[in-house]
């Protein structure tokens, strides 16, 4: 039986596993993303591999034992878009400017990726920041 997994899903699965999970290989961004990759956050765009690597390194440093689990992943019929619904878990080391209190954190999101020339080219991401901010505002028990 033929696999229904697209190149975008293969690339994105590798990115999630290498960059946002144990062993964190930020150089995977160089192999998996276009030179002009764009990460579009609600805060604005991060443009280029070097800037994306710096952002990913900073983001991951704020969550000890970061683990990103893709809950769903699918691609457009023409293969130019891949979507992942995911959840991140770990322990707070200062995410969202909070004090690094090592409390457990969990938040979800959806990433829509453009796939161009066999690489990940543009990511539009939305995260459950409101729910995460409520978690961080609760007093430690």
N, C-alpha and C. Protein backbone atom coordinates (compact mmCIF):
# COMPACT_ATOMS: atom_id res chain seq x y z
N UNK A 1 0.84 -1.19 0.00
CA UNK A 1 0.00 0.00 0.00
C UNK A 1 0.88 1.24 0.00
N UNK A 2 0.60 2.20 -0.84
CA UNK A 2 1.39 3.42 -0.95
C UNK A 2 1.15 4.32 0.25
N UNK A 3 2.19 5.03 0.63
CA UNK A 3 2.09 5.96 1.75
C UNK A 3 1.43 7.25 1.29
N UNK A 4 0.60 7.83 2.13
CA UNK A 4 -0.03 9.10 1.83
C UNK A 4 0.73 10.27 2.42
N UNK A 5 1.90 10.01 3.02
CA UNK A 5 2.69 11.06 3.63
C UNK A 5 3.37 11.89 2.54
N UNK A 6 3.23 13.20 2.63
CA UNK A 6 3.83 14.10 1.64
C UNK A 6 5.23 14.50 2.07
N UNK A 7 5.98 15.12 1.15
CA UNK A 7 7.31 15.62 1.48
C UNK A 7 7.22 16.66 2.60
N UNK A 8 6.17 17.50 2.58
CA UNK A 8 6.00 18.49 3.64
C UNK A 8 5.82 17.84 5.00
N UNK A 9 5.06 16.77 5.06
CA UNK A 9 4.85 16.06 6.32
C UNK A 9 6.14 15.41 6.80
N UNK A 10 6.93 14.87 5.87
CA UNK A 10 8.22 14.28 6.25
C UNK A 10 9.16 15.35 6.79
N UNK A 11 9.24 16.49 6.09
CA UNK A 11 10.09 17.59 6.53
C UNK A 11 9.66 18.12 7.90
N UNK A 12 8.36 18.33 8.06
CA UNK A 12 7.85 18.89 9.30
C UNK A 12 8.01 17.92 10.46
N UNK A 13 7.77 16.65 10.23
CA UNK A 13 7.99 15.65 11.29
C UNK A 13 9.44 15.67 11.74
N UNK A 14 10.37 15.76 10.78
CA UNK A 14 11.78 15.82 11.16
C UNK A 14 12.10 17.11 11.91
N UNK A 15 11.55 18.24 11.46
CA UNK A 15 11.79 19.51 12.15
C UNK A 15 11.30 19.43 13.59
N UNK A 16 10.06 18.98 13.79
CA UNK A 16 9.53 18.87 15.15
C UNK A 16 10.43 17.98 15.99
N UNK A 17 10.81 16.82 15.46
CA UNK A 17 11.62 15.86 16.24
C UNK A 17 13.01 16.38 16.54
N UNK A 18 13.66 17.03 15.59
CA UNK A 18 15.06 17.44 15.76
C UNK A 18 15.20 18.75 16.53
N UNK A 19 14.30 19.70 16.30
CA UNK A 19 14.47 21.04 16.87
C UNK A 19 13.74 21.21 18.20
N UNK A 20 12.55 20.63 18.33
CA UNK A 20 11.73 20.88 19.51
C UNK A 20 11.60 19.68 20.43
N UNK A 21 12.49 18.74 20.33
CA UNK A 21 12.51 17.57 21.20
C UNK A 21 13.94 17.28 21.61
N UNK A 22 14.12 16.30 22.47
CA UNK A 22 15.43 15.97 23.04
C UNK A 22 16.53 15.96 21.99
N UNK A 23 17.69 16.34 22.40
CA UNK A 23 18.91 16.43 21.60
C UNK A 23 18.96 17.69 20.75
N UNK A 24 17.91 18.38 20.61
CA UNK A 24 17.78 19.64 19.90
C UNK A 24 18.92 19.95 18.94
N UNK A 25 18.70 19.62 17.69
CA UNK A 25 19.64 19.86 16.61
C UNK A 25 19.15 21.06 15.81
N UNK A 26 19.55 22.26 16.23
CA UNK A 26 19.08 23.47 15.56
C UNK A 26 19.63 23.58 14.14
N UNK A 27 20.73 22.89 13.84
CA UNK A 27 21.27 22.89 12.49
C UNK A 27 20.35 22.16 11.51
N UNK A 28 19.39 21.39 12.03
CA UNK A 28 18.40 20.75 11.15
C UNK A 28 17.63 21.80 10.35
N UNK A 29 17.50 23.00 10.90
CA UNK A 29 16.83 24.08 10.19
C UNK A 29 17.53 24.36 8.86
N UNK A 30 18.86 24.27 8.84
CA UNK A 30 19.62 24.50 7.61
C UNK A 30 19.27 23.46 6.54
N UNK A 31 19.05 22.24 6.95
CA UNK A 31 18.75 21.15 6.00
C UNK A 31 17.30 21.14 5.55
N UNK A 32 16.38 21.57 6.42
CA UNK A 32 14.95 21.39 6.18
C UNK A 32 14.23 22.63 5.66
N UNK A 33 14.84 23.80 5.83
CA UNK A 33 14.16 25.06 5.50
C UNK A 33 14.90 25.80 4.39
N UNK A 34 14.14 26.59 3.64
CA UNK A 34 14.74 27.45 2.62
C UNK A 34 15.60 28.51 3.30
N UNK A 35 16.53 29.07 2.55
CA UNK A 35 17.41 30.12 3.08
C UNK A 35 16.58 31.31 3.58
N UNK A 36 15.49 31.62 2.86
CA UNK A 36 14.66 32.78 3.20
C UNK A 36 13.42 32.41 4.02
N UNK A 37 13.50 31.32 4.77
CA UNK A 37 12.37 30.86 5.58
C UNK A 37 11.80 32.00 6.41
N UNK A 38 10.48 31.99 6.57
CA UNK A 38 9.81 33.02 7.38
C UNK A 38 8.97 32.31 8.44
N UNK A 39 9.10 32.76 9.67
CA UNK A 39 8.24 32.31 10.76
C UNK A 39 7.36 33.50 11.12
N UNK A 40 6.07 33.40 10.81
CA UNK A 40 5.13 34.49 11.10
C UNK A 40 4.42 34.19 12.41
N UNK A 41 4.79 34.95 13.44
CA UNK A 41 4.20 34.90 14.77
C UNK A 41 3.23 36.06 14.91
N UNK A 42 2.36 36.02 15.90
CA UNK A 42 1.55 37.20 16.18
C UNK A 42 2.40 38.46 16.44
N UNK A 43 3.64 38.27 16.93
CA UNK A 43 4.55 39.40 17.20
C UNK A 43 5.17 39.99 15.95
N UNK A 44 5.18 39.25 14.85
CA UNK A 44 5.83 39.71 13.63
C UNK A 44 6.58 38.56 12.98
N UNK A 45 7.32 38.87 11.95
CA UNK A 45 8.02 37.84 11.18
C UNK A 45 9.48 37.69 11.60
N UNK A 46 9.93 36.46 11.63
CA UNK A 46 11.33 36.12 11.79
C UNK A 46 11.77 35.62 10.42
N UNK A 47 12.77 36.25 9.83
CA UNK A 47 13.11 35.98 8.44
C UNK A 47 14.53 35.43 8.33
N UNK A 48 14.67 34.31 7.63
CA UNK A 48 15.97 33.71 7.35
C UNK A 48 16.31 32.60 8.34
N UNK A 49 17.15 31.68 7.86
CA UNK A 49 17.53 30.52 8.69
C UNK A 49 18.22 30.93 9.99
N UNK A 50 19.17 31.85 9.90
CA UNK A 50 19.92 32.25 11.10
C UNK A 50 18.99 32.83 12.16
N UNK A 51 18.08 33.69 11.74
CA UNK A 51 17.13 34.30 12.69
C UNK A 51 16.18 33.24 13.24
N UNK A 52 15.74 32.30 12.40
CA UNK A 52 14.85 31.23 12.86
C UNK A 52 15.58 30.36 13.88
N UNK A 53 16.84 30.02 13.62
CA UNK A 53 17.61 29.21 14.57
C UNK A 53 17.76 29.93 15.90
N UNK A 54 18.06 31.22 15.85
CA UNK A 54 18.20 32.01 17.08
C UNK A 54 16.88 32.04 17.85
N UNK A 55 15.76 32.25 17.14
CA UNK A 55 14.45 32.27 17.78
C UNK A 55 14.14 30.91 18.40
N UNK A 56 14.36 29.83 17.66
CA UNK A 56 14.06 28.47 18.15
C UNK A 56 14.91 28.15 19.38
N UNK A 57 16.18 28.53 19.35
CA UNK A 57 17.08 28.28 20.49
C UNK A 57 16.58 29.04 21.72
N UNK A 58 16.19 30.30 21.55
CA UNK A 58 15.68 31.10 22.66
C UNK A 58 14.37 30.54 23.19
N UNK A 59 13.45 30.20 22.29
CA UNK A 59 12.16 29.64 22.67
C UNK A 59 12.35 28.35 23.48
N UNK A 60 13.16 27.44 22.97
CA UNK A 60 13.37 26.14 23.62
C UNK A 60 14.10 26.30 24.96
N UNK A 61 14.93 27.32 25.09
CA UNK A 61 15.68 27.51 26.35
C UNK A 61 14.76 27.90 27.50
N UNK A 62 13.55 28.34 27.18
CA UNK A 62 12.61 28.77 28.21
C UNK A 62 11.69 27.65 28.69
N UNK A 63 11.92 26.42 28.15
CA UNK A 63 11.09 25.27 28.55
C UNK A 63 12.02 24.07 28.74
N UNK A 64 12.31 23.75 30.00
CA UNK A 64 13.15 22.57 30.28
C UNK A 64 12.41 21.32 29.85
N UNK A 65 13.15 20.39 29.28
CA UNK A 65 12.58 19.12 28.80
C UNK A 65 11.45 19.35 27.80
N UNK A 66 11.64 20.33 26.93
CA UNK A 66 10.61 20.63 25.93
C UNK A 66 10.30 19.39 25.09
N UNK A 67 9.02 19.19 24.85
CA UNK A 67 8.57 18.09 23.99
C UNK A 67 7.41 18.60 23.16
N UNK A 68 7.56 18.54 21.84
CA UNK A 68 6.49 18.91 20.93
C UNK A 68 5.94 17.63 20.35
N UNK A 69 4.63 17.44 20.50
CA UNK A 69 3.95 16.27 19.95
C UNK A 69 2.95 16.75 18.91
N UNK A 70 3.09 16.24 17.69
CA UNK A 70 2.13 16.55 16.64
C UNK A 70 0.92 15.65 16.82
N UNK A 71 -0.25 16.26 16.97
CA UNK A 71 -1.49 15.52 17.19
C UNK A 71 -2.17 15.16 15.87
N UNK A 72 -2.06 16.04 14.90
CA UNK A 72 -2.62 15.83 13.56
C UNK A 72 -1.66 16.49 12.58
N UNK A 73 -1.55 15.91 11.39
CA UNK A 73 -0.76 16.53 10.34
C UNK A 73 -1.38 16.12 9.01
N UNK A 74 -1.53 17.10 8.12
CA UNK A 74 -2.05 16.80 6.80
C UNK A 74 -1.58 17.88 5.84
N UNK A 75 -1.70 17.58 4.56
CA UNK A 75 -1.21 18.49 3.52
C UNK A 75 -2.31 18.80 2.51
N UNK A 76 -2.13 19.93 1.83
CA UNK A 76 -3.05 20.29 0.75
C UNK A 76 -2.87 19.31 -0.40
N UNK A 77 -3.86 19.23 -1.26
CA UNK A 77 -3.83 18.28 -2.37
C UNK A 77 -2.62 18.49 -3.27
N UNK A 78 -2.19 19.75 -3.44
CA UNK A 78 -1.05 20.01 -4.32
C UNK A 78 0.29 19.95 -3.59
N UNK A 79 0.26 19.70 -2.27
CA UNK A 79 1.50 19.53 -1.51
C UNK A 79 2.22 20.82 -1.15
N UNK A 80 1.62 21.97 -1.42
CA UNK A 80 2.30 23.24 -1.13
C UNK A 80 2.06 23.75 0.29
N UNK A 81 1.15 23.11 1.04
CA UNK A 81 0.88 23.48 2.43
C UNK A 81 0.81 22.21 3.28
N UNK A 82 1.43 22.29 4.45
CA UNK A 82 1.32 21.21 5.44
C UNK A 82 0.90 21.85 6.75
N UNK A 83 -0.07 21.24 7.41
CA UNK A 83 -0.64 21.76 8.65
C UNK A 83 -0.40 20.76 9.77
N UNK A 84 -0.01 21.28 10.93
CA UNK A 84 0.16 20.43 12.11
C UNK A 84 -0.54 21.08 13.30
N UNK A 85 -1.34 20.28 13.99
CA UNK A 85 -1.92 20.68 15.28
C UNK A 85 -1.06 19.98 16.31
N UNK A 86 -0.50 20.74 17.26
CA UNK A 86 0.51 20.19 18.16
C UNK A 86 0.30 20.64 19.59
N UNK A 87 1.02 19.98 20.49
CA UNK A 87 1.05 20.37 21.90
C UNK A 87 2.51 20.35 22.37
N UNK A 88 2.87 21.35 23.17
CA UNK A 88 4.20 21.43 23.78
C UNK A 88 4.04 21.23 25.28
N UNK A 89 4.90 20.42 25.85
CA UNK A 89 4.96 20.23 27.30
C UNK A 89 6.40 20.43 27.76
N UNK A 90 6.55 20.70 29.04
CA UNK A 90 7.87 20.87 29.63
C UNK A 90 7.73 21.60 30.96
N UNK A 91 8.82 22.24 31.36
CA UNK A 91 8.86 22.92 32.66
C UNK A 91 9.35 24.35 32.46
N UNK A 92 8.65 25.30 33.06
CA UNK A 92 8.87 26.72 32.85
C UNK A 92 10.27 27.18 33.28
N UNK A 93 10.97 27.75 32.31
CA UNK A 93 12.26 28.38 32.56
C UNK A 93 12.23 29.85 32.13
N UNK A 94 11.02 30.45 32.17
CA UNK A 94 10.87 31.86 31.84
C UNK A 94 10.07 32.13 30.58
N UNK A 95 9.23 31.18 30.18
CA UNK A 95 8.40 31.38 28.99
C UNK A 95 7.48 32.58 29.19
N UNK A 96 7.28 33.35 28.16
CA UNK A 96 6.43 34.54 28.17
C UNK A 96 6.86 35.56 29.23
N UNK A 97 8.14 35.61 29.52
CA UNK A 97 8.66 36.59 30.47
C UNK A 97 8.34 36.28 31.92
N UNK A 98 7.85 35.08 32.19
CA UNK A 98 7.50 34.70 33.57
C UNK A 98 8.76 34.33 34.36
N UNK A 99 8.66 34.33 35.69
CA UNK A 99 9.80 33.87 36.49
C UNK A 99 10.05 32.38 36.21
N UNK A 100 11.30 31.96 36.08
CA UNK A 100 11.61 30.55 35.82
C UNK A 100 11.40 29.70 37.07
N UNK A 101 10.16 29.24 37.27
CA UNK A 101 9.81 28.54 38.50
C UNK A 101 9.74 27.02 38.34
N UNK A 102 10.06 26.51 37.17
CA UNK A 102 10.12 25.06 36.89
C UNK A 102 8.77 24.36 37.02
N UNK A 103 7.68 25.11 37.01
CA UNK A 103 6.36 24.47 37.04
C UNK A 103 6.09 23.82 35.69
N UNK A 104 5.27 22.75 35.68
CA UNK A 104 4.91 22.13 34.40
C UNK A 104 4.10 23.11 33.55
N UNK A 105 4.38 23.13 32.26
CA UNK A 105 3.62 23.95 31.32
C UNK A 105 3.16 23.07 30.16
N UNK A 106 2.02 23.46 29.61
CA UNK A 106 1.49 22.79 28.43
C UNK A 106 0.71 23.81 27.63
N UNK A 107 0.94 23.84 26.33
CA UNK A 107 0.16 24.70 25.45
C UNK A 107 0.09 24.05 24.07
N UNK A 108 -0.91 24.46 23.33
CA UNK A 108 -1.13 23.87 22.02
C UNK A 108 -1.04 24.94 20.95
N UNK A 109 -1.02 24.48 19.71
CA UNK A 109 -0.97 25.42 18.61
C UNK A 109 -1.23 24.74 17.29
N UNK A 110 -1.30 25.56 16.28
CA UNK A 110 -1.46 25.10 14.91
C UNK A 110 -0.43 25.83 14.06
N UNK A 111 0.29 25.06 13.26
CA UNK A 111 1.28 25.63 12.34
C UNK A 111 0.88 25.26 10.92
N UNK A 112 0.85 26.26 10.06
CA UNK A 112 0.62 26.05 8.64
C UNK A 112 1.93 26.39 7.93
N UNK A 113 2.47 25.42 7.21
CA UNK A 113 3.75 25.59 6.53
C UNK A 113 3.58 25.62 5.03
N UNK A 114 4.25 26.55 4.37
CA UNK A 114 4.40 26.52 2.92
C UNK A 114 5.58 25.61 2.60
N UNK A 115 5.40 24.74 1.63
CA UNK A 115 6.48 23.87 1.15
C UNK A 115 6.85 24.34 -0.25
N UNK A 116 8.14 24.68 -0.42
CA UNK A 116 8.61 25.20 -1.71
C UNK A 116 9.95 24.56 -2.04
N UNK A 117 10.07 24.05 -3.24
CA UNK A 117 11.32 23.44 -3.72
C UNK A 117 11.84 22.36 -2.77
N UNK A 118 10.91 21.57 -2.21
CA UNK A 118 11.30 20.45 -1.36
C UNK A 118 11.78 20.85 0.02
N UNK A 119 11.45 22.08 0.46
CA UNK A 119 11.86 22.54 1.80
C UNK A 119 10.71 23.32 2.43
N UNK A 120 10.81 23.49 3.73
CA UNK A 120 9.85 24.31 4.47
C UNK A 120 10.22 25.77 4.26
N UNK A 121 9.23 26.59 3.83
CA UNK A 121 9.55 27.96 3.41
C UNK A 121 8.89 29.05 4.27
N UNK A 122 7.70 28.81 4.76
CA UNK A 122 7.00 29.86 5.52
C UNK A 122 6.08 29.17 6.52
N UNK A 123 6.12 29.63 7.75
CA UNK A 123 5.30 29.06 8.82
C UNK A 123 4.43 30.16 9.41
N UNK A 124 3.12 29.93 9.39
CA UNK A 124 2.18 30.79 10.09
C UNK A 124 1.77 30.00 11.32
N UNK A 125 2.02 30.54 12.51
CA UNK A 125 1.79 29.78 13.74
C UNK A 125 0.88 30.55 14.69
N UNK A 126 0.00 29.81 15.32
CA UNK A 126 -0.86 30.35 16.38
C UNK A 126 -0.71 29.43 17.59
N UNK A 127 -0.51 30.03 18.77
CA UNK A 127 -0.34 29.26 20.00
C UNK A 127 -1.41 29.66 21.01
N UNK A 128 -1.68 28.77 21.95
CA UNK A 128 -2.66 29.06 23.01
C UNK A 128 -2.01 29.91 24.11
N UNK A 129 -1.56 31.10 23.73
CA UNK A 129 -0.84 31.97 24.66
C UNK A 129 -1.72 32.44 25.82
N UNK A 130 -2.99 32.68 25.56
CA UNK A 130 -3.87 33.13 26.64
C UNK A 130 -3.97 32.06 27.72
N UNK A 131 -4.18 30.82 27.31
CA UNK A 131 -4.28 29.72 28.28
C UNK A 131 -2.95 29.51 29.01
N UNK A 132 -1.84 29.64 28.30
CA UNK A 132 -0.53 29.51 28.94
C UNK A 132 -0.32 30.63 29.95
N UNK A 133 -0.72 31.84 29.62
CA UNK A 133 -0.55 32.96 30.56
C UNK A 133 -1.39 32.73 31.82
N UNK A 134 -2.58 32.12 31.68
CA UNK A 134 -3.39 31.79 32.86
C UNK A 134 -2.69 30.74 33.72
N UNK A 135 -2.08 29.72 33.10
CA UNK A 135 -1.32 28.71 33.86
C UNK A 135 -0.22 29.38 34.67
N UNK A 136 0.53 30.27 34.03
CA UNK A 136 1.68 30.90 34.67
C UNK A 136 1.28 31.89 35.75
N UNK A 137 0.06 32.43 35.67
CA UNK A 137 -0.42 33.38 36.68
C UNK A 137 -0.89 32.73 37.97
N UNK A 138 -1.17 31.43 37.91
CA UNK A 138 -1.65 30.73 39.11
C UNK A 138 -0.50 30.63 40.13
N UNK A 139 -0.83 30.78 41.40
CA UNK A 139 0.21 30.62 42.43
C UNK A 139 0.73 29.17 42.43
N UNK A 140 2.00 29.04 42.74
CA UNK A 140 2.58 27.70 42.87
C UNK A 140 1.95 26.99 44.06
N UNK A 141 1.71 25.71 43.88
CA UNK A 141 1.08 24.94 44.97
C UNK A 141 2.12 24.24 45.79
